[in-house]
């Protein structure tokens, strides 16, 4: 399992995507405001996602 790095975009939980802002031992903190439809989702701006629960969509180097 590859662990995300700060600046990566990850996808989790039925298509939500977020920008990784911090990497913890067992999880990452992601900012969801990068999604075009963020205003319509009624979710918090940031959330915590376990390393086992996301897929890296875009590397910070890409």
N, C-alpha and C. Protein backbone atom coordinates (compact mmCIF):
# COMPACT_ATOMS: atom_id res chain seq x y z
N UNK A 1 0.85 -1.19 0.00
CA UNK A 1 0.00 0.00 0.00
C UNK A 1 0.89 1.24 0.00
N UNK A 2 0.66 2.11 -0.98
CA UNK A 2 1.42 3.35 -1.06
C UNK A 2 0.71 4.42 -0.24
N UNK A 3 1.45 5.12 0.60
CA UNK A 3 0.89 6.17 1.44
C UNK A 3 0.99 7.51 0.71
N UNK A 4 -0.09 8.25 0.75
CA UNK A 4 -0.14 9.57 0.10
C UNK A 4 0.83 10.53 0.76
N UNK A 5 1.22 11.54 0.00
CA UNK A 5 2.09 12.60 0.50
C UNK A 5 1.33 13.92 0.44
N UNK A 6 1.82 14.91 1.18
CA UNK A 6 1.23 16.24 1.13
C UNK A 6 1.25 16.74 -0.31
N UNK A 7 0.11 17.21 -0.79
CA UNK A 7 -0.01 17.71 -2.16
C UNK A 7 -0.66 16.72 -3.11
N UNK A 8 -0.78 15.45 -2.71
CA UNK A 8 -1.47 14.46 -3.53
C UNK A 8 -2.97 14.70 -3.49
N UNK A 9 -3.65 14.26 -4.55
CA UNK A 9 -5.11 14.26 -4.55
C UNK A 9 -5.54 12.81 -4.39
N UNK A 10 -6.41 12.57 -3.41
CA UNK A 10 -6.87 11.21 -3.13
C UNK A 10 -8.38 11.13 -3.31
N UNK A 11 -8.84 9.92 -3.61
CA UNK A 11 -10.28 9.66 -3.74
C UNK A 11 -10.68 8.64 -2.69
N UNK A 12 -11.85 8.85 -2.10
CA UNK A 12 -12.33 7.96 -1.04
C UNK A 12 -13.84 8.04 -0.97
N UNK A 13 -14.44 7.09 -0.30
CA UNK A 13 -15.87 7.11 0.04
C UNK A 13 -16.76 7.56 -1.11
N UNK A 14 -17.00 6.70 -2.06
CA UNK A 14 -17.95 6.95 -3.15
C UNK A 14 -17.62 8.17 -4.00
N UNK A 15 -16.34 8.39 -4.29
CA UNK A 15 -15.97 9.43 -5.25
C UNK A 15 -15.58 10.78 -4.70
N UNK A 16 -15.59 10.96 -3.39
CA UNK A 16 -15.11 12.23 -2.85
C UNK A 16 -13.62 12.35 -3.11
N UNK A 17 -13.16 13.56 -3.44
CA UNK A 17 -11.74 13.78 -3.67
C UNK A 17 -11.27 14.94 -2.81
N UNK A 18 -10.01 14.85 -2.38
CA UNK A 18 -9.46 15.90 -1.55
C UNK A 18 -7.96 16.02 -1.71
N UNK A 19 -7.44 17.18 -1.37
CA UNK A 19 -6.01 17.49 -1.42
C UNK A 19 -5.41 17.17 -0.06
N UNK A 20 -4.38 16.33 -0.04
CA UNK A 20 -3.75 15.94 1.22
C UNK A 20 -2.98 17.14 1.80
N UNK A 21 -3.33 17.51 3.03
CA UNK A 21 -2.68 18.63 3.70
C UNK A 21 -1.71 18.17 4.78
N UNK A 22 -1.98 17.00 5.37
CA UNK A 22 -1.11 16.49 6.43
C UNK A 22 -1.16 14.97 6.42
N UNK A 23 0.00 14.35 6.66
CA UNK A 23 0.08 12.89 6.73
C UNK A 23 0.36 12.50 8.17
N UNK A 24 -0.51 11.67 8.74
CA UNK A 24 -0.33 11.15 10.09
C UNK A 24 0.10 9.69 10.01
N UNK A 25 0.32 9.07 11.14
CA UNK A 25 0.77 7.69 11.16
C UNK A 25 -0.22 6.73 10.50
N UNK A 26 -1.51 6.91 10.79
CA UNK A 26 -2.52 5.99 10.27
C UNK A 26 -3.52 6.63 9.31
N UNK A 27 -3.36 7.92 9.04
CA UNK A 27 -4.36 8.63 8.23
C UNK A 27 -3.77 9.88 7.59
N UNK A 28 -4.60 10.49 6.74
CA UNK A 28 -4.24 11.78 6.14
C UNK A 28 -5.38 12.75 6.41
N UNK A 29 -5.06 14.03 6.43
CA UNK A 29 -6.07 15.08 6.53
C UNK A 29 -6.19 15.69 5.14
N UNK A 30 -7.42 15.68 4.61
CA UNK A 30 -7.63 16.16 3.24
C UNK A 30 -8.57 17.36 3.23
N UNK A 31 -8.33 18.25 2.28
CA UNK A 31 -9.15 19.43 2.05
C UNK A 31 -10.08 19.12 0.88
N UNK A 32 -11.37 19.15 1.12
CA UNK A 32 -12.35 18.78 0.10
C UNK A 32 -12.78 19.94 -0.79
N UNK A 33 -12.35 21.15 -0.51
CA UNK A 33 -12.82 22.32 -1.26
C UNK A 33 -12.31 22.35 -2.70
N UNK A 34 -11.43 21.41 -3.08
CA UNK A 34 -10.94 21.37 -4.47
C UNK A 34 -11.99 20.82 -5.43
N UNK A 35 -13.01 20.15 -4.91
CA UNK A 35 -14.05 19.58 -5.77
C UNK A 35 -14.96 20.68 -6.30
N UNK A 36 -15.32 20.60 -7.59
CA UNK A 36 -16.17 21.62 -8.20
C UNK A 36 -17.53 21.72 -7.53
N UNK A 37 -18.07 20.58 -7.11
CA UNK A 37 -19.41 20.57 -6.51
C UNK A 37 -19.38 20.62 -4.98
N UNK A 38 -18.31 21.09 -4.39
CA UNK A 38 -18.16 21.11 -2.93
C UNK A 38 -19.31 21.85 -2.25
N UNK A 39 -19.71 22.99 -2.77
CA UNK A 39 -20.76 23.81 -2.13
C UNK A 39 -22.09 23.07 -2.03
N UNK A 40 -22.35 22.12 -2.93
CA UNK A 40 -23.62 21.40 -2.95
C UNK A 40 -23.61 20.13 -2.11
N UNK A 41 -22.47 19.73 -1.60
CA UNK A 41 -22.36 18.45 -0.90
C UNK A 41 -22.73 18.51 0.57
N UNK A 42 -22.68 19.68 1.16
CA UNK A 42 -22.97 19.85 2.59
C UNK A 42 -22.08 18.97 3.46
N UNK A 43 -20.77 19.05 3.21
CA UNK A 43 -19.77 18.34 4.02
C UNK A 43 -18.78 19.36 4.57
N UNK A 44 -18.02 18.96 5.58
CA UNK A 44 -17.00 19.82 6.16
C UNK A 44 -15.89 20.07 5.13
N UNK A 45 -15.14 21.16 5.30
CA UNK A 45 -14.05 21.49 4.39
C UNK A 45 -12.92 20.47 4.45
N UNK A 46 -12.65 19.94 5.64
CA UNK A 46 -11.55 19.00 5.83
C UNK A 46 -12.06 17.76 6.53
N UNK A 47 -11.37 16.64 6.26
CA UNK A 47 -11.73 15.39 6.93
C UNK A 47 -10.50 14.52 7.06
N UNK A 48 -10.61 13.52 7.92
CA UNK A 48 -9.52 12.56 8.15
C UNK A 48 -9.88 11.26 7.44
N UNK A 49 -8.91 10.69 6.70
CA UNK A 49 -9.14 9.46 5.97
C UNK A 49 -8.02 8.47 6.31
N UNK A 50 -8.40 7.28 6.72
CA UNK A 50 -7.44 6.23 7.03
C UNK A 50 -6.68 5.83 5.77
N UNK A 51 -5.41 5.46 5.91
CA UNK A 51 -4.59 5.07 4.76
C UNK A 51 -5.21 3.92 3.96
N UNK A 52 -5.97 3.06 4.62
CA UNK A 52 -6.58 1.91 3.95
C UNK A 52 -7.81 2.29 3.14
N UNK A 53 -8.30 3.51 3.29
CA UNK A 53 -9.59 3.91 2.73
C UNK A 53 -9.51 4.85 1.53
N UNK A 54 -8.34 5.16 1.03
CA UNK A 54 -8.25 6.07 -0.11
C UNK A 54 -7.40 5.48 -1.23
N UNK A 55 -7.53 6.11 -2.41
CA UNK A 55 -6.72 5.76 -3.57
C UNK A 55 -6.10 7.05 -4.08
N UNK A 56 -4.80 7.03 -4.34
CA UNK A 56 -4.11 8.23 -4.84
C UNK A 56 -4.51 8.43 -6.30
N UNK A 57 -5.08 9.59 -6.60
CA UNK A 57 -5.55 9.91 -7.95
C UNK A 57 -4.51 10.71 -8.72
N UNK A 58 -3.83 11.60 -8.02
CA UNK A 58 -2.86 12.47 -8.68
C UNK A 58 -1.71 12.76 -7.72
N UNK A 59 -0.51 12.52 -8.20
CA UNK A 59 0.68 12.80 -7.40
C UNK A 59 0.96 14.28 -7.43
N UNK A 60 1.59 14.79 -6.39
CA UNK A 60 1.93 16.22 -6.35
C UNK A 60 2.93 16.59 -7.44
N UNK A 61 3.65 15.60 -7.98
CA UNK A 61 4.64 15.86 -9.02
C UNK A 61 4.03 15.88 -10.42
N UNK A 62 2.80 15.39 -10.54
CA UNK A 62 2.16 15.28 -11.86
C UNK A 62 1.57 16.58 -12.33
